[in-house]
């Protein structure tokens, strides 16, 4: 990859659907759910460093996770870790590093944002898609990578593809106009999307020139533009000046997703490109999605997250079990459950209700049980 490309890893969110493994002080991107020997953020860093070079990878995360991210990513340059005192959603999380990189390298440098908690099965094909996305970004497009939809999922947003951009961007032969971004559909609508062959999953991967993004923000979200450029102008100066600017400016930035602030209105103007991604992608959003990615522990399709020797199942099938407390977990005559055992909290739920675990987190928060959150 040419020297103008910089990869960004936004690492935020509590992963509440993966409680009690994922917590506020140790969110899911710091955990190795798949037993690969690398946490999710480490795997993401490895993948992007292979494309851009380790010195061209940046991370933005919460101040509470700074020490853990530094410990897990020793090859991440100190200057490339950006910490936010409070989460302000994806627009601010992408815009601030973009403004800082524009200060350092100019507005023609290209930034690509890739979440810390995604699973990619084919790194080589992923790298090819990123190269095409960078080419489209150099041509002035805000570019996304649209994931091949393998089922009519209601858990993801979708992107509607339009005409080919081959004539305009010869180095991105598969790029097409992104005609629209659509919200998570119901099951019937999702099935209809797949039947057309025109829709792809929206994984929130965005690649663009820093100058293009800042110009768009100046037009679409001028207050966010003013805030991030003011902070970026002092970021590489004295630490106390940076800290004062972050404390004064950052908490007041509008909290809005990048899709709503930039991608959707720009797609309506024809300014968004989509590169189709067929590299195998998963968003580990709940325990069902984790289970789909790990092998069965036995012929009865029980899935173990962590140490299999700490689990015994008799006359039980289809369970997802995590023995995180270190003690033995024994399941007898129970099917299709999620059993997550940690030292201070135990979750038991039907697998079919994995998406609702966040309701339990909300209920615990309402009861003031902050010590387990």
Protein backbone atom coordinates (compact mmCIF):
# COMPACT_ATOMS: atom_id res chain seq x y z
CA UNK A 1 0.00 0.00 0.00
CA UNK A 2 1.24 3.51 -0.83
CA UNK A 3 2.47 5.66 2.03
CA UNK A 4 -0.65 7.86 2.03
CA UNK A 5 -2.93 5.25 3.65
CA UNK A 6 -3.53 5.24 7.41
CA UNK A 7 -5.72 2.64 9.10
CA UNK A 8 -7.83 3.58 12.13
CA UNK A 9 -9.24 1.17 14.71
CA UNK A 10 -12.13 2.64 16.71
CA UNK A 11 -12.21 0.57 19.90
CA UNK A 12 -15.23 1.47 21.96
CA UNK A 13 -18.53 0.21 23.28
CA UNK A 14 -19.23 -2.02 26.26
CA UNK A 15 -20.41 -5.07 24.26
CA UNK A 16 -23.40 -5.41 26.57
CA UNK A 17 -24.84 -8.38 24.65
CA UNK A 18 -21.70 -10.30 25.65
CA UNK A 19 -22.03 -9.64 29.37
CA UNK A 20 -20.74 -10.86 31.79
CA UNK A 21 -17.55 -11.56 29.82
CA UNK A 22 -17.55 -8.09 28.25
CA UNK A 23 -17.55 -5.36 30.89
CA UNK A 24 -17.16 -1.59 30.98
CA UNK A 25 -13.56 -1.93 32.16
CA UNK A 26 -12.76 -4.85 29.82
CA UNK A 27 -14.93 -4.62 26.69
CA UNK A 28 -15.12 -7.38 24.13
CA UNK A 29 -12.33 -6.13 21.86
CA UNK A 30 -9.82 -6.89 24.64
CA UNK A 31 -10.91 -10.55 24.81
CA UNK A 32 -10.00 -13.63 22.74
CA UNK A 33 -13.45 -15.09 22.12
CA UNK A 34 -12.29 -17.51 19.43
CA UNK A 35 -9.37 -19.07 21.29
CA UNK A 36 -6.94 -17.93 18.59
CA UNK A 37 -4.29 -16.68 20.99
CA UNK A 38 -4.95 -13.06 19.92
CA UNK A 39 -7.63 -10.75 21.25
CA UNK A 40 -10.00 -9.09 18.83
CA UNK A 41 -8.11 -5.81 18.77
CA UNK A 42 -4.79 -7.64 18.35
CA UNK A 43 -6.15 -9.57 15.37
CA UNK A 44 -7.48 -6.34 13.85
CA UNK A 45 -4.14 -4.59 14.35
CA UNK A 46 -2.25 -7.52 12.79
CA UNK A 47 -4.52 -7.48 9.74
CA UNK A 48 -4.23 -3.73 9.17
CA UNK A 49 -0.51 -3.52 9.93
CA UNK A 50 0.06 -6.09 7.18
CA UNK A 51 -1.62 -3.69 4.74
CA UNK A 52 -0.54 -0.24 5.91
CA UNK A 53 2.49 -0.91 8.12
CA UNK A 54 2.38 -0.78 11.93
CA UNK A 55 3.44 2.88 11.96
CA UNK A 56 0.38 3.74 9.84
CA UNK A 57 -2.16 2.17 12.19
CA UNK A 58 -3.94 4.28 14.82
CA UNK A 59 -6.40 3.44 17.58
CA UNK A 60 -9.02 5.62 19.23
CA UNK A 61 -10.40 4.31 22.51
CA UNK A 62 -11.63 5.47 25.90
CA UNK A 63 -9.17 6.75 28.48
CA UNK A 64 -10.21 3.86 30.73
CA UNK A 65 -8.79 1.39 28.19
CA UNK A 66 -5.55 3.21 27.36
CA UNK A 67 -3.29 1.02 29.52
CA UNK A 68 -4.86 -2.22 28.29
CA UNK A 69 -4.61 -1.19 24.63
CA UNK A 70 -0.96 -0.19 25.05
CA UNK A 71 -0.21 -3.51 26.76
CA UNK A 72 -1.95 -5.55 24.05
CA UNK A 73 -0.49 -3.55 21.13
CA UNK A 74 3.20 -2.93 21.92
CA UNK A 75 3.92 -2.19 18.23
CA UNK A 76 1.39 0.66 18.12
CA UNK A 77 3.33 3.96 18.07
CA UNK A 78 2.61 6.08 21.14
CA UNK A 79 1.59 9.02 18.94
CA UNK A 80 -1.02 6.87 17.19
CA UNK A 81 -3.16 6.16 20.25
CA UNK A 82 -5.96 8.71 20.64
CA UNK A 83 -7.99 8.57 23.86
CA UNK A 84 -11.42 10.08 24.42
CA UNK A 85 -12.64 10.92 27.95
CA UNK A 86 -16.24 10.03 27.03
CA UNK A 87 -17.69 8.24 24.03
CA UNK A 88 -19.22 10.54 21.41
CA UNK A 89 -20.17 7.87 18.82
CA UNK A 90 -18.53 7.06 15.50
CA UNK A 91 -18.59 10.44 13.76
CA UNK A 92 -16.40 12.07 16.38
CA UNK A 93 -14.28 8.91 16.78
CA UNK A 94 -13.40 8.99 13.06
CA UNK A 95 -13.31 12.76 12.64
CA UNK A 96 -10.77 13.53 15.37
CA UNK A 97 -8.05 11.12 14.10
CA UNK A 98 -8.79 12.33 10.56
CA UNK A 99 -8.20 15.94 11.65
CA UNK A 100 -5.01 14.99 13.49
CA UNK A 101 -3.67 13.04 10.50
CA UNK A 102 -4.57 15.95 8.21
CA UNK A 103 -2.47 18.21 10.45
CA UNK A 104 0.43 15.77 10.27
CA UNK A 105 0.33 14.65 6.64
CA UNK A 106 -2.05 16.94 4.76
CA UNK A 107 -5.58 16.57 3.49
CA UNK A 108 -4.71 14.12 0.70
CA UNK A 109 -3.78 11.32 3.07
CA UNK A 110 -6.37 8.53 3.18
CA UNK A 111 -7.88 7.21 6.40
CA UNK A 112 -9.70 3.89 6.67
CA UNK A 113 -11.81 3.06 9.72
CA UNK A 114 -12.20 -0.61 10.71
CA UNK A 115 -13.81 -1.66 14.00
CA UNK A 116 -11.78 -3.52 16.61
CA UNK A 117 -14.34 -6.30 17.12
CA UNK A 118 -14.89 -7.77 13.65
CA UNK A 119 -13.80 -11.20 12.48
CA UNK A 120 -12.30 -11.51 8.98
CA UNK A 121 -11.73 -15.00 7.61
CA UNK A 122 -9.70 -14.22 4.45
CA UNK A 123 -7.07 -11.55 5.12
CA UNK A 124 -5.71 -11.60 1.56
CA UNK A 125 -9.10 -10.89 -0.03
CA UNK A 126 -9.78 -8.27 2.64
CA UNK A 127 -6.50 -6.53 1.74
CA UNK A 128 -7.49 -6.49 -1.94
CA UNK A 129 -10.82 -4.86 -1.04
CA UNK A 130 -9.06 -2.24 1.09
CA UNK A 131 -6.73 -1.41 -1.82
CA UNK A 132 -9.73 -0.85 -4.10
CA UNK A 133 -11.42 1.26 -1.42
CA UNK A 134 -8.28 3.39 -1.10
CA UNK A 135 -8.23 3.90 -4.88
CA UNK A 136 -11.84 5.07 -4.83
CA UNK A 137 -11.06 7.34 -1.88
CA UNK A 138 -8.18 8.91 -3.80
CA UNK A 139 -10.70 9.71 -6.54
CA UNK A 140 -12.72 11.71 -4.02
CA UNK A 141 -15.32 9.22 -2.84
CA UNK A 142 -16.18 8.31 0.71
CA UNK A 143 -15.89 4.57 0.23
CA UNK A 144 -17.35 1.70 2.20
CA UNK A 145 -16.82 -2.05 1.94
CA UNK A 146 -20.15 -3.85 1.57
CA UNK A 147 -20.22 -7.39 2.94
CA UNK A 148 -21.73 -10.21 0.91
CA UNK A 149 -24.99 -11.04 2.69
CA UNK A 150 -25.12 -14.78 3.35
CA UNK A 151 -28.56 -14.79 4.97
CA UNK A 152 -31.50 -12.39 5.38
CA UNK A 153 -30.20 -11.00 8.65
CA UNK A 154 -32.24 -8.50 10.65
CA UNK A 155 -29.21 -7.65 12.81
CA UNK A 156 -27.35 -5.55 10.21
CA UNK A 157 -28.00 -2.46 8.14
CA UNK A 158 -27.76 -2.77 4.34
CA UNK A 159 -26.21 -0.84 1.44
CA UNK A 160 -27.95 -0.66 -1.94
CA UNK A 161 -25.46 -0.86 -4.80
CA UNK A 162 -25.80 1.16 -7.98
CA UNK A 163 -23.83 1.63 -11.19
CA UNK A 164 -20.23 0.51 -11.69
CA UNK A 165 -17.45 3.06 -11.17
CA UNK A 166 -14.90 1.22 -13.30
CA UNK A 167 -14.73 4.03 -15.83
CA UNK A 168 -14.09 6.66 -13.18
CA UNK A 169 -11.82 4.62 -10.89
CA UNK A 170 -9.88 2.10 -13.01
CA UNK A 171 -7.84 0.95 -9.99
CA UNK A 172 -11.06 -0.13 -8.27
CA UNK A 173 -12.63 -2.44 -10.87
CA UNK A 174 -15.32 -3.74 -8.51
CA UNK A 175 -16.37 -0.40 -7.02
CA UNK A 176 -19.95 0.76 -7.51
CA UNK A 177 -22.00 3.75 -6.47
CA UNK A 178 -23.65 3.31 -3.07
CA UNK A 179 -27.18 4.49 -3.74
CA UNK A 180 -28.49 4.28 -0.19
CA UNK A 181 -27.87 3.05 3.35
CA UNK A 182 -30.90 1.39 4.92
CA UNK A 183 -31.63 0.54 8.54
CA UNK A 184 -31.90 -2.95 10.01
CA UNK A 185 -34.94 -4.47 8.25
CA UNK A 186 -37.58 -6.93 9.37
CA UNK A 187 -37.23 -10.53 8.17
CA UNK A 188 -39.46 -10.16 5.10
CA UNK A 189 -37.67 -7.02 3.96
CA UNK A 190 -34.27 -8.61 4.49
CA UNK A 191 -35.32 -11.58 2.34
CA UNK A 192 -36.53 -9.20 -0.36
CA UNK A 193 -33.19 -7.37 -0.28
CA UNK A 194 -31.28 -10.60 -0.85
CA UNK A 195 -33.56 -11.61 -3.70
CA UNK A 196 -32.63 -8.48 -5.68
CA UNK A 197 -28.87 -9.09 -5.46
CA UNK A 198 -28.42 -5.33 -5.06
CA UNK A 199 -27.89 -5.16 -1.30
CA UNK A 200 -24.90 -5.86 0.92
CA UNK A 201 -24.42 -5.73 4.67
CA UNK A 202 -23.14 -2.48 6.11
CA UNK A 203 -20.14 -3.29 8.32
CA UNK A 204 -19.30 0.34 9.07
CA UNK A 205 -15.98 0.26 7.20
CA UNK A 206 -15.23 3.68 5.69
CA UNK A 207 -12.23 4.89 3.66
CA UNK A 208 -11.74 8.51 2.54
CA UNK A 209 -9.28 11.35 2.18
CA UNK A 210 -8.97 13.29 5.41
CA UNK A 211 -9.53 16.53 3.51
CA UNK A 212 -12.68 15.20 1.87
CA UNK A 213 -14.09 14.17 5.23
CA UNK A 214 -13.26 17.49 6.89
CA UNK A 215 -14.84 19.41 4.02
CA UNK A 216 -17.98 17.30 4.32
CA UNK A 217 -18.16 17.87 8.06
CA UNK A 218 -17.69 21.59 7.56
CA UNK A 219 -20.78 21.52 5.31
CA UNK A 220 -22.92 18.88 7.03
CA UNK A 221 -21.86 19.12 10.67
CA UNK A 222 -20.02 22.42 11.14
CA UNK A 223 -19.96 22.26 14.94
CA UNK A 224 -18.28 18.85 14.88
CA UNK A 225 -15.83 20.14 12.27
CA UNK A 226 -14.96 23.14 14.41
CA UNK A 227 -14.50 21.02 17.53
CA UNK A 228 -12.22 18.35 16.03
CA UNK A 229 -10.08 20.80 14.08
CA UNK A 230 -9.61 22.96 17.20
CA UNK A 231 -8.47 19.90 19.15
CA UNK A 232 -6.29 18.61 16.30
CA UNK A 233 -4.51 21.96 16.03
CA UNK A 234 -3.01 21.48 19.52
CA UNK A 235 -2.89 17.67 19.67
CA UNK A 236 0.82 17.28 18.94
CA UNK A 237 1.79 20.22 21.16
CA UNK A 238 2.23 20.30 24.95
CA UNK A 239 0.31 17.56 26.75
CA UNK A 240 -1.35 19.98 29.15
CA UNK A 241 -2.70 22.08 26.27
CA UNK A 242 -4.09 18.98 24.58
CA UNK A 243 -5.69 17.81 27.82
CA UNK A 244 -7.29 21.20 28.41
CA UNK A 245 -8.74 21.25 24.88
CA UNK A 246 -10.15 17.74 25.22
CA UNK A 247 -11.70 18.49 28.60
CA UNK A 248 -13.23 21.74 27.36
CA UNK A 249 -14.38 20.71 23.88
CA UNK A 250 -14.84 16.95 23.56
CA UNK A 251 -17.80 16.31 25.93
CA UNK A 252 -19.89 18.88 24.05
CA UNK A 253 -19.48 17.28 20.62
CA UNK A 254 -22.70 15.96 19.12
CA UNK A 255 -23.10 12.22 19.64
CA UNK A 256 -24.07 10.83 16.26
CA UNK A 257 -23.21 7.80 14.12
CA UNK A 258 -21.11 8.27 10.99
CA UNK A 259 -23.85 6.72 8.85
CA UNK A 260 -26.34 9.39 9.87
CA UNK A 261 -23.96 12.35 9.86
CA UNK A 262 -22.05 11.65 6.64
CA UNK A 263 -22.74 8.42 4.74
CA UNK A 264 -26.52 8.67 4.29
CA UNK A 265 -26.72 12.31 3.15
CA UNK A 266 -23.66 11.92 0.92
CA UNK A 267 -25.03 8.74 -0.68
CA UNK A 268 -28.13 10.72 -1.65
CA UNK A 269 -25.77 13.07 -3.54
CA UNK A 270 -23.90 10.24 -5.30
CA UNK A 271 -20.69 10.76 -3.34
CA UNK A 272 -20.32 7.32 -1.74
CA UNK A 273 -18.70 4.29 -3.36
CA UNK A 274 -19.01 0.68 -2.25
CA UNK A 275 -16.46 -2.07 -2.83
CA UNK A 276 -17.98 -5.55 -2.50
CA UNK A 277 -16.32 -7.66 0.16
CA UNK A 278 -16.41 -11.44 -0.15
CA UNK A 279 -13.75 -12.24 2.44
CA UNK A 280 -15.95 -13.78 5.14
CA UNK A 281 -16.98 -11.36 7.86
CA UNK A 282 -18.66 -11.61 11.24
CA UNK A 283 -19.64 -9.06 13.83
CA UNK A 284 -19.40 -10.76 17.21
CA UNK A 285 -22.50 -9.13 18.62
CA UNK A 286 -23.87 -11.81 20.95
CA UNK A 287 -23.17 -15.31 22.20
CA UNK A 288 -25.00 -16.90 19.28
CA UNK A 289 -22.61 -15.22 16.85
CA UNK A 290 -19.63 -16.37 18.92
CA UNK A 291 -20.96 -19.92 18.86
CA UNK A 292 -21.18 -19.86 15.07
CA UNK A 293 -17.43 -19.25 14.87
CA UNK A 294 -16.07 -21.88 17.24
CA UNK A 295 -16.03 -25.67 16.80
CA UNK A 296 -18.35 -27.95 18.69
CA UNK A 297 -16.97 -29.41 21.90
CA UNK A 298 -18.85 -32.69 21.37
CA UNK A 299 -21.17 -34.47 18.89
CA UNK A 300 -24.15 -32.64 20.44
CA UNK A 301 -23.09 -29.20 19.22
CA UNK A 302 -22.22 -27.78 22.62
CA UNK A 303 -19.85 -24.82 22.18
CA UNK A 304 -17.27 -23.88 24.81
CA UNK A 305 -15.77 -20.40 25.12
CA UNK A 306 -12.53 -20.85 27.02
CA UNK A 307 -11.25 -23.94 28.82
CA UNK A 308 -13.19 -27.00 27.63
CA UNK A 309 -11.84 -29.11 30.49
CA UNK A 310 -13.91 -27.07 32.92
CA UNK A 311 -17.23 -28.10 31.32
CA UNK A 312 -19.16 -31.34 31.36
CA UNK A 313 -22.46 -31.85 29.51
CA UNK A 314 -24.73 -34.87 29.94
CA UNK A 315 -27.88 -35.35 27.86
CA UNK A 316 -27.50 -31.75 26.73
CA UNK A 317 -27.20 -30.22 23.28
CA UNK A 318 -26.72 -26.91 21.56
CA UNK A 319 -25.47 -24.99 24.59
CA UNK A 320 -22.95 -22.13 24.68
CA UNK A 321 -20.88 -22.31 27.86
CA UNK A 322 -18.05 -20.14 29.18
CA UNK A 323 -16.32 -21.41 32.37
CA UNK A 324 -14.69 -18.06 33.14
CA UNK A 325 -14.81 -18.48 36.93
CA UNK A 326 -12.29 -21.33 36.89
CA UNK A 327 -14.71 -23.74 38.54
CA UNK A 328 -16.37 -26.73 36.90
CA UNK A 329 -19.61 -26.04 34.99
CA UNK A 330 -21.91 -29.09 34.77
CA UNK A 331 -24.97 -29.09 32.51
CA UNK A 332 -27.48 -31.93 32.75
CA UNK A 333 -30.54 -32.41 30.55
CA UNK A 334 -30.57 -28.85 29.23
CA UNK A 335 -30.57 -27.72 25.61
CA UNK A 336 -29.93 -24.49 23.72
CA UNK A 337 -28.84 -22.40 26.69
CA UNK A 338 -26.21 -19.73 27.19
CA UNK A 339 -24.33 -20.36 30.46
CA UNK A 340 -21.63 -17.77 31.21
CA UNK A 341 -19.95 -18.32 34.57
CA UNK A 342 -17.59 -15.61 35.82
CA UNK A 343 -16.19 -15.02 39.33
CA UNK A 344 -18.80 -12.39 40.23
CA UNK A 345 -21.74 -13.00 37.87
CA UNK A 346 -23.55 -15.95 36.28
CA UNK A 347 -25.73 -15.60 33.17
CA UNK A 348 -28.21 -18.30 32.15
CA UNK A 349 -30.45 -17.59 29.15
CA UNK A 350 -32.00 -19.32 26.13
CA UNK A 351 -29.75 -19.03 23.08
CA UNK A 352 -32.68 -17.70 21.11
CA UNK A 353 -32.68 -14.64 23.38
CA UNK A 354 -28.96 -13.87 23.11
CA UNK A 355 -29.68 -10.45 21.59
CA UNK A 356 -31.63 -9.54 24.73
CA UNK A 357 -28.70 -9.86 27.14
CA UNK A 358 -28.33 -6.09 26.92
CA UNK A 359 -31.73 -5.88 28.65
CA UNK A 360 -30.23 -7.66 31.62
CA UNK A 361 -27.33 -5.22 31.66
CA UNK A 362 -29.81 -2.34 31.65
CA UNK A 363 -31.78 -3.95 34.49
CA UNK A 364 -28.63 -4.39 36.57
CA UNK A 365 -27.66 -0.79 35.92
CA UNK A 366 -31.11 0.36 37.02
CA UNK A 367 -30.63 -1.57 40.28
CA UNK A 368 -27.29 0.11 40.84
CA UNK A 369 -25.26 -3.09 40.44
CA UNK A 370 -22.32 -1.21 38.94
CA UNK A 371 -19.74 -3.58 40.42
CA UNK A 372 -20.70 -6.33 37.95
CA UNK A 373 -21.03 -4.09 34.91
